[in-house]
Amino acid sequence: MARRVSLPAADDLFRRTAPAAEPAPAAEPEEEAAAAPEPSRPRRPSGRVRHDEKMTVYVTSDELLDLEHARLVLRRSHGLAVDRGRLVREAIAMALADFEAHGDDSALVRRLTEE
């Protein structure tokens, strides 16, 4: 006689592990042209915490080697043992903070308009 195995249901596999956050209040209607957001707090990367969101970014072989080289230099020269994800989150925080502070004069806008 064959034995039936009980498998978990989809609700068990995809259940929330943390309480749901309060819904954000309804936003005011925005003007026609969206300006750079006002800096309300210093932008900091999330660091070493559990991340709930995932984003896939494709890079060239050279970009990946440069990123890995930077990670190794940070470890060797500065004693900072960081992974590539943390390095990327730090770079994103720096770019967005510069964009919020300088808008059209930011390095991000300058580099993106060079293409």
PDB file of N, CA and C in Angstrom:
ATOM      1  N   MET A   1       0.843  -1.161   0.000  1.00  0.00           N
ATOM      2  CA  MET A   1       0.000   0.000   0.000  1.00  0.00           C
ATOM      3  C   MET A   1       0.904   1.245   0.000  1.00  0.00           C
ATOM      4  N   ALA A   2       0.591   2.199  -0.911  1.00  0.00           N
ATOM      5  CA  ALA A   2       1.375   3.429  -1.035  1.00  0.00           C
ATOM      6  C   ALA A   2       1.037   4.374   0.110  1.00  0.00           C
ATOM      7  N   ARG A   3       2.055   5.025   0.609  1.00  0.00           N
ATOM      8  CA  ARG A   3       1.870   5.990   1.690  1.00  0.00           C
ATOM      9  C   ARG A   3       1.744   7.384   1.126  1.00  0.00           C
ATOM     10  N   ARG A   4       0.794   8.145   1.575  1.00  0.00           N
ATOM     11  CA  ARG A   4       0.612   9.519   1.113  1.00  0.00           C
ATOM     12  C   ARG A   4       1.422  10.455   1.991  1.00  0.00           C
ATOM     13  N   VAL A   5       2.155  11.344   1.343  1.00  0.00           N
ATOM     14  CA  VAL A   5       2.946  12.329   2.062  1.00  0.00           C
ATOM     15  C   VAL A   5       2.147  13.622   2.128  1.00  0.00           C
ATOM     16  N   SER A   6       2.102  14.209   3.277  1.00  0.00           N
ATOM     17  CA  SER A   6       1.387  15.461   3.453  1.00  0.00           C
ATOM     18  C   SER A   6       2.358  16.621   3.205  1.00  0.00           C
ATOM     19  N   LEU A   7       2.069  17.413   2.203  1.00  0.00           N
ATOM     20  CA  LEU A   7       2.898  18.569   1.871  1.00  0.00           C
ATOM     21  C   LEU A   7       2.233  19.843   2.369  1.00  0.00           C
ATOM     22  N   PRO A   8       3.022  20.855   2.686  1.00  0.00           N
ATOM     23  CA  PRO A   8       2.426  22.116   3.152  1.00  0.00           C
ATOM     24  C   PRO A   8       1.672  22.800   2.015  1.00  0.00           C
ATOM     25  N   ALA A   9       0.645  23.529   2.387  1.00  0.00           N
ATOM     26  CA  ALA A   9      -0.125  24.295   1.406  1.00  0.00           C
ATOM     27  C   ALA A   9       0.611  25.584   1.069  1.00  0.00           C
ATOM     28  N   ALA A  10       0.191  26.219  -0.010  1.00  0.00           N
ATOM     29  CA  ALA A  10       0.822  27.475  -0.435  1.00  0.00           C
ATOM     30  C   ALA A  10       0.717  28.536   0.658  1.00  0.00           C
ATOM     31  N   ASP A  11      -0.384  28.571   1.390  1.00  0.00           N
ATOM     32  CA  ASP A  11      -0.541  29.545   2.476  1.00  0.00           C
ATOM     33  C   ASP A  11       0.519  29.350   3.561  1.00  0.00           C
ATOM     34  N   ASP A  12       0.906  28.108   3.784  1.00  0.00           N
ATOM     35  CA  ASP A  12       1.944  27.839   4.785  1.00  0.00           C
ATOM     36  C   ASP A  12       3.322  28.255   4.286  1.00  0.00           C
ATOM     37  N   LEU A  13       3.572  28.094   2.994  1.00  0.00           N
ATOM     38  CA  LEU A  13       4.878  28.425   2.429  1.00  0.00           C
ATOM     39  C   LEU A  13       5.076  29.930   2.277  1.00  0.00           C
ATOM     40  N   PHE A  14       4.006  30.649   1.963  1.00  0.00           N
ATOM     41  CA  PHE A  14       4.115  32.067   1.662  1.00  0.00           C
ATOM     42  C   PHE A  14       3.439  32.934   2.715  1.00  0.00           C
ATOM     43  N   ARG A  15       3.537  32.539   3.965  1.00  0.00           N
ATOM     44  CA  ARG A  15       2.920  33.308   5.031  1.00  0.00           C
ATOM     45  C   ARG A  15       3.849  34.426   5.472  1.00  0.00           C
ATOM     46  N   ARG A  16       3.267  35.465   6.045  1.00  0.00           N
ATOM     47  CA  ARG A  16       4.066  36.580   6.573  1.00  0.00           C
ATOM     48  C   ARG A  16       4.800  36.106   7.811  1.00  0.00           C
ATOM     49  N   THR A  17       6.061  36.528   7.934  1.00  0.00           N
ATOM     50  CA  THR A  17       6.841  36.174   9.116  1.00  0.00           C
ATOM     51  C   THR A  17       6.938  37.340  10.088  1.00  0.00           C
ATOM     52  N   ALA A  18       6.465  38.504   9.672  1.00  0.00           N
ATOM     53  CA  ALA A  18       6.464  39.683  10.529  1.00  0.00           C
ATOM     54  C   ALA A  18       5.087  40.322  10.433  1.00  0.00           C
ATOM     55  N   PRO A  19       4.676  41.065  11.469  1.00  0.00           N
ATOM     56  CA  PRO A  19       3.370  41.724  11.399  1.00  0.00           C
ATOM     57  C   PRO A  19       3.337  42.718  10.243  1.00  0.00           C
ATOM     58  N   ALA A  20       2.181  42.830   9.638  1.00  0.00           N
ATOM     59  CA  ALA A  20       2.020  43.762   8.519  1.00  0.00           C
ATOM     60  C   ALA A  20       2.164  45.193   9.020  1.00  0.00           C
ATOM     61  N   ALA A  21       2.811  46.008   8.222  1.00  0.00           N
ATOM     62  CA  ALA A  21       2.999  47.415   8.576  1.00  0.00           C
ATOM     63  C   ALA A  21       1.685  48.164   8.416  1.00  0.00           C
ATOM     64  N   GLU A  22       1.571  49.256   9.140  1.00  0.00           N
ATOM     65  CA  GLU A  22       0.387  50.102   9.018  1.00  0.00           C
ATOM     66  C   GLU A  22       0.321  50.663   7.607  1.00  0.00           C
ATOM     67  N   PRO A  23      -0.865  50.741   7.003  1.00  0.00           N
ATOM     68  CA  PRO A  23      -0.947  51.330   5.665  1.00  0.00           C
ATOM     69  C   PRO A  23      -0.577  52.802   5.709  1.00  0.00           C
ATOM     70  N   ALA A  24       0.121  53.236   4.686  1.00  0.00           N
ATOM     71  CA  ALA A  24       0.543  54.634   4.607  1.00  0.00           C
ATOM     72  C   ALA A  24      -0.674  55.517   4.374  1.00  0.00           C
ATOM     73  N   PRO A  25      -0.694  56.720   4.960  1.00  0.00           N
ATOM     74  CA  PRO A  25      -1.827  57.614   4.712  1.00  0.00           C
ATOM     75  C   PRO A  25      -1.867  58.009   3.243  1.00  0.00           C
ATOM     76  N   ALA A  26      -3.049  58.336   2.790  1.00  0.00           N
ATOM     77  CA  ALA A  26      -3.203  58.708   1.381  1.00  0.00           C
ATOM     78  C   ALA A  26      -2.358  59.932   1.082  1.00  0.00           C
ATOM     79  N   ALA A  27      -1.643  59.877  -0.023  1.00  0.00           N
ATOM     80  CA  ALA A  27      -0.758  60.982  -0.402  1.00  0.00           C
ATOM     81  C   ALA A  27      -1.571  62.099  -1.030  1.00  0.00           C
ATOM     82  N   GLU A  28      -1.095  63.300  -0.840  1.00  0.00           N
ATOM     83  CA  GLU A  28      -1.718  64.453  -1.465  1.00  0.00           C
ATOM     84  C   GLU A  28      -1.465  64.403  -2.963  1.00  0.00           C
ATOM     85  N   PRO A  29      -2.361  64.902  -3.792  1.00  0.00           N
ATOM     86  CA  PRO A  29      -2.100  64.919  -5.231  1.00  0.00           C
ATOM     87  C   PRO A  29      -0.854  65.743  -5.514  1.00  0.00           C
ATOM     88  N   GLU A  30       0.003  65.214  -6.389  1.00  0.00           N
ATOM     89  CA  GLU A  30       1.248  65.901  -6.704  1.00  0.00           C
ATOM     90  C   GLU A  30       1.041  66.866  -7.854  1.00  0.00           C
ATOM     91  N   GLU A  31       1.962  67.818  -7.960  1.00  0.00           N
ATOM     92  CA  GLU A  31       1.913  68.757  -9.069  1.00  0.00           C
ATOM     93  C   GLU A  31       2.267  68.026 -10.349  1.00  0.00           C
ATOM     94  N   GLU A  32       2.051  68.700 -11.495  1.00  0.00           N
ATOM     95  CA  GLU A  32       2.275  68.051 -12.774  1.00  0.00           C
ATOM     96  C   GLU A  32       3.707  67.580 -12.949  1.00  0.00           C
ATOM     97  N   ALA A  33       4.677  68.391 -12.590  1.00  0.00           N
ATOM     98  CA  ALA A  33       6.088  68.008 -12.745  1.00  0.00           C
ATOM     99  C   ALA A  33       6.628  67.629 -11.389  1.00  0.00           C
ATOM    100  N   ALA A  34       7.154  66.427 -11.272  1.00  0.00           N
ATOM    101  CA  ALA A  34       7.710  65.969  -9.999  1.00  0.00           C
ATOM    102  C   ALA A  34       9.138  66.473  -9.861  1.00  0.00           C
ATOM    103  N   ALA A  35       9.384  67.187  -8.777  1.00  0.00           N
ATOM    104  CA  ALA A  35      10.733  67.688  -8.504  1.00  0.00           C
ATOM    105  C   ALA A  35      11.469  66.661  -7.658  1.00  0.00           C
ATOM    106  N   ALA A  36      12.752  66.884  -7.447  1.00  0.00           N
ATOM    107  CA  ALA A  36      13.528  65.999  -6.587  1.00  0.00           C
ATOM    108  C   ALA A  36      12.935  66.049  -5.192  1.00  0.00           C
ATOM    109  N   PRO A  37      12.828  64.909  -4.511  1.00  0.00           N
ATOM    110  CA  PRO A  37      12.227  64.899  -3.180  1.00  0.00           C
ATOM    111  C   PRO A  37      13.062  65.703  -2.205  1.00  0.00           C
ATOM    112  N   GLU A  38      12.376  66.326  -1.266  1.00  0.00           N
ATOM    113  CA  GLU A  38      13.053  67.113  -0.248  1.00  0.00           C
ATOM    114  C   GLU A  38      13.753  66.163   0.718  1.00  0.00           C
ATOM    115  N   PRO A  39      15.004  66.437   1.042  1.00  0.00           N
ATOM    116  CA  PRO A  39      15.695  65.568   1.999  1.00  0.00           C
ATOM    117  C   PRO A  39      15.124  65.756   3.396  1.00  0.00           C
ATOM    118  N   SER A  40      14.476  64.725   3.936  1.00  0.00           N
ATOM    119  CA  SER A  40      13.881  64.823   5.257  1.00  0.00           C
ATOM    120  C   SER A  40      14.804  64.233   6.319  1.00  0.00           C
ATOM    121  N   ARG A  41      15.686  63.351   5.922  1.00  0.00           N
ATOM    122  CA  ARG A  41      16.628  62.738   6.855  1.00  0.00           C
ATOM    123  C   ARG A  41      17.859  62.327   6.056  1.00  0.00           C
ATOM    124  N   PRO A  42      18.974  62.192   6.720  1.00  0.00           N
ATOM    125  CA  PRO A  42      20.152  61.738   5.987  1.00  0.00           C
ATOM    126  C   PRO A  42      19.929  60.325   5.452  1.00  0.00           C
ATOM    127  N   ARG A  43      20.251  60.125   4.197  1.00  0.00           N
ATOM    128  CA  ARG A  43      20.056  58.806   3.586  1.00  0.00           C
ATOM    129  C   ARG A  43      21.184  57.888   4.027  1.00  0.00           C
ATOM    130  N   ARG A  44      20.801  56.739   4.574  1.00  0.00           N
ATOM    131  CA  ARG A  44      21.765  55.737   5.013  1.00  0.00           C
ATOM    132  C   ARG A  44      21.415  54.403   4.390  1.00  0.00           C
ATOM    133  N   PRO A  45      22.414  53.619   4.040  1.00  0.00           N
ATOM    134  CA  PRO A  45      22.118  52.275   3.531  1.00  0.00           C
ATOM    135  C   PRO A  45      21.588  51.399   4.660  1.00  0.00           C
ATOM    136  N   SER A  46      20.931  50.317   4.309  1.00  0.00           N
ATOM    137  CA  SER A  46      20.321  49.465   5.315  1.00  0.00           C
ATOM    138  C   SER A  46      21.332  48.624   6.080  1.00  0.00           C
ATOM    139  N   GLY A  47      22.521  48.414   5.523  1.00  0.00           N
ATOM    140  CA  GLY A  47      23.545  47.665   6.246  1.00  0.00           C
ATOM    141  C   GLY A  47      23.217  46.193   6.379  1.00  0.00           C
ATOM    142  N   ARG A  48      23.571  45.615   7.536  1.00  0.00           N
ATOM    143  CA  ARG A  48      23.409  44.178   7.741  1.00  0.00           C
ATOM    144  C   ARG A  48      22.103  43.885   8.458  1.00  0.00           C
ATOM    145  N   VAL A  49      21.023  43.889   7.710  1.00  0.00           N
ATOM    146  CA  VAL A  49      19.710  43.526   8.229  1.00  0.00           C
ATOM    147  C   VAL A  49      19.081  42.555   7.239  1.00  0.00           C
ATOM    148  N   ARG A  50      18.004  41.926   7.646  1.00  0.00           N
ATOM    149  CA  ARG A  50      17.292  41.039   6.728  1.00  0.00           C
ATOM    150  C   ARG A  50      16.545  41.911   5.730  1.00  0.00           C
ATOM    151  N   HIS A  51      16.762  41.667   4.457  1.00  0.00           N
ATOM    152  CA  HIS A  51      16.126  42.457   3.416  1.00  0.00           C
ATOM    153  C   HIS A  51      14.939  41.689   2.845  1.00  0.00           C
ATOM    154  N   ASP A  52      13.787  42.352   2.793  1.00  0.00           N
ATOM    155  CA  ASP A  52      12.567  41.711   2.319  1.00  0.00           C
ATOM    156  C   ASP A  52      12.359  41.878   0.827  1.00  0.00           C
ATOM    157  N   GLU A  53      13.022  42.821   0.222  1.00  0.00           N
ATOM    158  CA  GLU A  53      12.840  43.091  -1.198  1.00  0.00           C
ATOM    159  C   GLU A  53      14.087  42.658  -1.958  1.00  0.00           C
ATOM    160  N   LYS A  54      13.873  42.252  -3.204  1.00  0.00           N
ATOM    161  CA  LYS A  54      14.989  41.801  -4.030  1.00  0.00           C
ATOM    162  C   LYS A  54      14.909  42.485  -5.377  1.00  0.00           C
ATOM    163  N   MET A  55      16.078  42.823  -5.896  1.00  0.00           N
ATOM    164  CA  MET A  55      16.168  43.438  -7.211  1.00  0.00           C
ATOM    165  C   MET A  55      17.336  42.778  -7.933  1.00  0.00           C
ATOM    166  N   THR A  56      17.124  42.408  -9.179  1.00  0.00           N
ATOM    167  CA  THR A  56      18.197  41.813  -9.963  1.00  0.00           C
ATOM    168  C   THR A  56      18.805  42.876 -10.850  1.00  0.00           C
ATOM    169  N   VAL A  57      20.125  42.960 -10.835  1.00  0.00           N
ATOM    170  CA  VAL A  57      20.848  43.924 -11.656  1.00  0.00           C
ATOM    171  C   VAL A  57      21.866  43.153 -12.473  1.00  0.00           C
ATOM    172  N   TYR A  58      21.875  43.384 -13.768  1.00  0.00           N
ATOM    173  CA  TYR A  58      22.844  42.733 -14.636  1.00  0.00           C
ATOM    174  C   TYR A  58      24.025  43.663 -14.844  1.00  0.00           C
ATOM    175  N   VAL A  59      25.226  43.129 -14.714  1.00  0.00           N
ATOM    176  CA  VAL A  59      26.441  43.904 -14.906  1.00  0.00           C
ATOM    177  C   VAL A  59      27.344  43.164 -15.896  1.00  0.00           C
ATOM    178  N   THR A  60      28.284  43.903 -16.457  1.00  0.00           N
ATOM    179  CA  THR A  60      29.252  43.275 -17.357  1.00  0.00           C
ATOM    180  C   THR A  60      30.296  42.546 -16.518  1.00  0.00           C
ATOM    181  N   SER A  61      31.090  41.733 -17.171  1.00  0.00           N
ATOM    182  CA  SER A  61      32.169  41.025 -16.479  1.00  0.00           C
ATOM    183  C   SER A  61      33.144  42.010 -15.864  1.00  0.00           C
ATOM    184  N   ASP A  62      33.466  43.074 -16.600  1.00  0.00           N
ATOM    185  CA  ASP A  62      34.399  44.074 -16.086  1.00  0.00           C
ATOM    186  C   ASP A  62      33.832  44.784 -14.856  1.00  0.00           C
ATOM    187  N   GLU A  63      32.537  45.108 -14.879  1.00  0.00           N
ATOM    188  CA  GLU A  63      31.922  45.772 -13.725  1.00  0.00           C
ATOM    189  C   GLU A  63      31.941  44.861 -12.502  1.00  0.00           C
ATOM    190  N   LEU A  64      31.683  43.578 -12.724  1.00  0.00           N
ATOM    191  CA  LEU A  64      31.699  42.629 -11.614  1.00  0.00           C
ATOM    192  C   LEU A  64      33.111  42.477 -11.049  1.00  0.00           C
ATOM    193  N   LEU A  65      34.104  42.428 -11.927  1.00  0.00           N
ATOM    194  CA  LEU A  65      35.491  42.346 -11.469  1.00  0.00           C
ATOM    195  C   LEU A  65      35.887  43.610 -10.709  1.00  0.00           C
ATOM    196  N   ASP A  66      35.460  44.780 -11.191  1.00  0.00           N
ATOM    197  CA  ASP A  66      35.749  46.040 -10.492  1.00  0.00           C
ATOM    198  C   ASP A  66      35.104  46.056  -9.112  1.00  0.00           C
ATOM    199  N   LEU A  67      33.882  45.573  -9.028  1.00  0.00           N
ATOM    200  CA  LEU A  67      33.175  45.525  -7.753  1.00  0.00           C
ATOM    201  C   LEU A  67      33.883  44.581  -6.786  1.00  0.00           C
ATOM    202  N   GLU A  68      34.279  43.428  -7.283  1.00  0.00           N
ATOM    203  CA  GLU A  68      34.982  42.459  -6.443  1.00  0.00           C
ATOM    204  C   GLU A  68      36.348  43.002  -6.018  1.00  0.00           C
ATOM    205  N   HIS A  69      37.030  43.689  -6.933  1.00  0.00           N
ATOM    206  CA  HIS A  69      38.320  44.297  -6.600  1.00  0.00           C
ATOM    207  C   HIS A  69      38.143  45.345  -5.499  1.00  0.00           C
ATOM    208  N   ALA A  70      37.117  46.185  -5.615  1.00  0.00           N
ATOM    209  CA  ALA A  70      36.851  47.202  -4.586  1.00  0.00           C
ATOM    210  C   ALA A  70      36.573  46.531  -3.248  1.00  0.00           C
ATOM    211  N   ARG A  71      35.814  45.443  -3.262  1.00  0.00           N
ATOM    212  CA  ARG A  71      35.503  44.718  -2.028  1.00  0.00           C
ATOM    213  C   ARG A  71      36.774  44.191  -1.372  1.00  0.00           C
ATOM    214  N   LEU A  72      37.674  43.644  -2.186  1.00  0.00           N
ATOM    215  CA  LEU A  72      38.924  43.103  -1.643  1.00  0.00           C
ATOM    216  C   LEU A  72      39.854  44.202  -1.129  1.00  0.00           C
ATOM    217  N   VAL A  73      39.895  45.341  -1.826  1.00  0.00           N
ATOM    218  CA  VAL A  73      40.716  46.462  -1.359  1.00  0.00           C
ATOM    219  C   VAL A  73      40.167  46.995  -0.034  1.00  0.00           C
ATOM    220  N   LEU A  74      38.850  47.094   0.081  1.00  0.00           N
ATOM    221  CA  LEU A  74      38.252  47.538   1.343  1.00  0.00           C
ATOM    222  C   LEU A  74      38.632  46.602   2.483  1.00  0.00           C
ATOM    223  N   ARG A  75      38.677  45.322   2.179  1.00  0.00           N
ATOM    224  CA  ARG A  75      39.040  44.342   3.210  1.00  0.00           C
ATOM    225  C   ARG A  75      40.519  44.437   3.565  1.00  0.00           C
ATOM    226  N   ARG A  76      41.369  44.473   2.529  1.00  0.00           N
ATOM    227  CA  ARG A  76      42.818  44.464   2.761  1.00  0.00           C
ATOM    228  C   ARG A  76      43.319  45.787   3.351  1.00  0.00           C
ATOM    229  N   SER A  77      42.918  46.898   2.771  1.00  0.00           N
ATOM    230  CA  SER A  77      43.474  48.190   3.171  1.00  0.00           C
ATOM    231  C   SER A  77      42.749  48.861   4.328  1.00  0.00           C
ATOM    232  N   HIS A  78      41.471  48.527   4.511  1.00  0.00           N
ATOM    233  CA  HIS A  78      40.683  49.229   5.527  1.00  0.00           C
ATOM    234  C   HIS A  78      40.086  48.304   6.585  1.00  0.00           C
ATOM    235  N   GLY A  79      40.302  46.993   6.435  1.00  0.00           N
ATOM    236  CA  GLY A  79      39.768  46.044   7.405  1.00  0.00           C
ATOM    237  C   GLY A  79      38.257  45.940   7.395  1.00  0.00           C
ATOM    238  N   LEU A  80      37.630  46.287   6.266  1.00  0.00           N
ATOM    239  CA  LEU A  80      36.163  46.238   6.153  1.00  0.00           C
ATOM    240  C   LEU A  80      35.746  44.993   5.389  1.00  0.00           C
ATOM    241  N   ALA A  81      35.179  44.032   6.074  1.00  0.00           N
ATOM    242  CA  ALA A  81      34.702  42.811   5.427  1.00  0.00           C
ATOM    243  C   ALA A  81      33.248  43.020   5.014  1.00  0.00           C
ATOM    244  N   VAL A  82      33.048  43.470   3.788  1.00  0.00           N
ATOM    245  CA  VAL A  82      31.692  43.715   3.283  1.00  0.00           C
ATOM    246  C   VAL A  82      31.435  42.805   2.092  1.00  0.00           C
ATOM    247  N   ASP A  83      30.178  42.445   1.913  1.00  0.00           N
ATOM    248  CA  ASP A  83      29.837  41.660   0.729  1.00  0.00           C
ATOM    249  C   ASP A  83      29.452  42.603  -0.404  1.00  0.00           C
ATOM    250  N   ARG A  84      29.291  42.031  -1.595  1.00  0.00           N
ATOM    251  CA  ARG A  84      28.980  42.875  -2.757  1.00  0.00           C
ATOM    252  C   ARG A  84      27.651  43.586  -2.600  1.00  0.00           C
ATOM    253  N   GLY A  85      26.669  42.923  -1.996  1.00  0.00           N
ATOM    254  CA  GLY A  85      25.359  43.547  -1.797  1.00  0.00           C
ATOM    255  C   GLY A  85      25.445  44.789  -0.930  1.00  0.00           C
ATOM    256  N   ARG A  86      26.204  44.688   0.150  1.00  0.00           N
ATOM    257  CA  ARG A  86      26.335  45.853   1.035  1.00  0.00           C
ATOM    258  C   ARG A  86      27.076  46.976   0.326  1.00  0.00           C
ATOM    259  N   LEU A  87      28.083  46.624  -0.455  1.00  0.00           N
ATOM    260  CA  LEU A  87      28.826  47.620  -1.212  1.00  0.00           C
ATOM    261  C   LEU A  87      27.910  48.346  -2.199  1.00  0.00           C
ATOM    262  N   VAL A  88      27.049  47.591  -2.874  1.00  0.00           N
ATOM    263  CA  VAL A  88      26.114  48.187  -3.831  1.00  0.00           C
ATOM    264  C   VAL A  88      25.086  49.054  -3.108  1.00  0.00           C
ATOM    265  N   ARG A  89      24.548  48.587  -1.976  1.00  0.00           N
ATOM    266  CA  ARG A  89      23.579  49.394  -1.222  1.00  0.00           C
ATOM    267  C   ARG A  89      24.203  50.697  -0.742  1.00  0.00           C
ATOM    268  N   GLU A  90      25.465  50.643  -0.340  1.00  0.00           N
ATOM    269  CA  GLU A  90      26.171  51.849   0.098  1.00  0.00           C
ATOM    270  C   GLU A  90      26.311  52.834  -1.063  1.00  0.00           C
ATOM    271  N   ALA A  91      26.678  52.312  -2.240  1.00  0.00           N
ATOM    272  CA  ALA A  91      26.840  53.173  -3.418  1.00  0.00           C
ATOM    273  C   ALA A  91      25.501  53.789  -3.828  1.00  0.00           C
ATOM    274  N   ILE A  92      24.425  53.020  -3.739  1.00  0.00           N
ATOM    275  CA  ILE A  92      23.099  53.542  -4.062  1.00  0.00           C
ATOM    276  C   ILE A  92      22.724  54.665  -3.092  1.00  0.00           C
ATOM    277  N   ALA A  93      22.965  54.448  -1.804  1.00  0.00           N
ATOM    278  CA  ALA A  93      22.647  55.477  -0.805  1.00  0.00           C
ATOM    279  C   ALA A  93      23.433  56.752  -1.074  1.00  0.00           C
ATOM    280  N   MET A  94      24.703  56.612  -1.438  1.00  0.00           N
ATOM    281  CA  MET A  94      25.527  57.795  -1.728  1.00  0.00           C
ATOM    282  C   MET A  94      24.997  58.543  -2.954  1.00  0.00           C
ATOM    283  N   ALA A  95      24.658  57.799  -4.010  1.00  0.00           N
ATOM    284  CA  ALA A  95      24.166  58.430  -5.233  1.00  0.00           C
ATOM    285  C   ALA A  95      22.840  59.133  -4.993  1.00  0.00           C
ATOM    286  N   LEU A  96      21.931  58.505  -4.253  1.00  0.00           N
ATOM    287  CA  LEU A  96      20.628  59.110  -3.992  1.00  0.00           C
ATOM    288  C   LEU A  96      20.736  60.312  -3.049  1.00  0.00           C
ATOM    289  N   ALA A  97      21.624  60.246  -2.069  1.00  0.00           N
ATOM    290  CA  ALA A  97      21.823  61.391  -1.176  1.00  0.00           C
ATOM    291  C   ALA A  97      22.368  62.581  -1.958  1.00  0.00           C
ATOM    292  N   ASP A  98      23.313  62.338  -2.867  1.00  0.00           N
ATOM    293  CA  ASP A  98      23.860  63.401  -3.708  1.00  0.00           C
ATOM    294  C   ASP A  98      22.770  63.974  -4.614  1.00  0.00           C
ATOM    295  N   PHE A  99      21.911  63.113  -5.154  1.00  0.00           N
ATOM    296  CA  PHE A  99      20.817  63.556  -6.018  1.00  0.00           C
ATOM    297  C   PHE A  99      19.830  64.419  -5.240  1.00  0.00           C
ATOM    298  N   GLU A 100      19.486  63.989  -4.017  1.00  0.00           N
ATOM    299  CA  GLU A 100      18.562  64.778  -3.194  1.00  0.00           C
ATOM    300  C   GLU A 100      19.159  66.127  -2.813  1.00  0.00           C
ATOM    301  N   ALA A 101      20.460  66.152  -2.560  1.00  0.00           N
ATOM    302  CA  ALA A 101      21.109  67.386  -2.122  1.00  0.00           C
ATOM    303  C   ALA A 101      21.379  68.349  -3.276  1.00  0.00           C
ATOM    304  N   HIS A 102      21.711  67.816  -4.458  1.00  0.00           N
ATOM    305  CA  HIS A 102      22.158  68.689  -5.554  1.00  0.00           C
ATOM    306  C   HIS A 102      21.266  68.672  -6.786  1.00  0.00           C
ATOM    307  N   GLY A 103      20.287  67.785  -6.839  1.00  0.00           N
ATOM    308  CA  GLY A 103      19.335  67.755  -7.960  1.00  0.00           C
ATOM    309  C   GLY A 103      20.005  67.683  -9.316  1.00  0.00           C
ATOM    310  N   ASP A 104      19.760  68.695 -10.171  1.00  0.00           N
ATOM    311  CA  ASP A 104      20.301  68.711 -11.530  1.00  0.00           C
ATOM    312  C   ASP A 104      21.826  68.759 -11.565  1.00  0.00           C
ATOM    313  N   ASP A 105      22.443  69.226 -10.497  1.00  0.00           N
ATOM    314  CA  ASP A 105      23.906  69.311 -10.446  1.00  0.00           C
ATOM    315  C   ASP A 105      24.540  68.065  -9.839  1.00  0.00           C
ATOM    316  N   SER A 106      23.756  67.040  -9.565  1.00  0.00           N
ATOM    317  CA  SER A 106      24.289  65.837  -8.927  1.00  0.00           C
ATOM    318  C   SER A 106      25.120  65.013  -9.911  1.00  0.00           C
ATOM    319  N   ALA A 107      26.007  64.218  -9.362  1.00  0.00           N
ATOM    320  CA  ALA A 107      26.844  63.335 -10.182  1.00  0.00           C
ATOM    321  C   ALA A 107      25.964  62.346 -10.947  1.00  0.00           C
ATOM    322  N   LEU A 108      24.873  61.908 -10.348  1.00  0.00           N
ATOM    323  CA  LEU A 108      23.975  60.960 -11.008  1.00  0.00           C
ATOM    324  C   LEU A 108      23.398  61.552 -12.293  1.00  0.00           C
ATOM    325  N   VAL A 109      22.886  62.767 -12.219  1.00  0.00           N
ATOM    326  CA  VAL A 109      22.314  63.420 -13.405  1.00  0.00           C
ATOM    327  C   VAL A 109      23.404  63.653 -14.447  1.00  0.00           C
ATOM    328  N   ARG A 110      24.561  64.133 -14.005  1.00  0.00           N
ATOM    329  CA  ARG A 110      25.651  64.381 -14.957  1.00  0.00           C
ATOM    330  C   ARG A 110      26.059  63.113 -15.685  1.00  0.00           C
ATOM    331  N   ARG A 111      26.212  62.008 -14.940  1.00  0.00           N
ATOM    332  CA  ARG A 111      26.648  60.747 -15.571  1.00  0.00           C
ATOM    333  C   ARG A 111      25.576  60.171 -16.488  1.00  0.00           C
ATOM    334  N   LEU A 112      24.309  60.281 -16.083  1.00  0.00           N
ATOM    335  CA  LEU A 112      23.230  59.735 -16.913  1.00  0.00           C
ATOM    336  C   LEU A 112      23.004  60.551 -18.183  1.00  0.00           C
ATOM    337  N   THR A 113      23.321  61.834 -18.148  1.00  0.00           N
ATOM    338  CA  THR A 113      23.139  62.656 -19.333  1.00  0.00           C
ATOM    339  C   THR A 113      24.339  62.601 -20.272  1.00  0.00           C
ATOM    340  N   GLU A 114      25.443  61.977 -19.853  1.00  0.00           N
ATOM    341  CA  GLU A 114      26.612  61.817 -20.711  1.00  0.00           C
ATOM    342  C   GLU A 114      26.380  60.807 -21.819  1.00  0.00           C
ATOM    343  N   GLU A 115      25.475  59.878 -21.627  1.00  0.00           N
ATOM    344  CA  GLU A 115      25.281  58.776 -22.579  1.00  0.00           C
ATOM    345  C   GLU A 115      24.887  59.227 -23.933  1.00  0.00           C
TER     346      GLU A 115
END
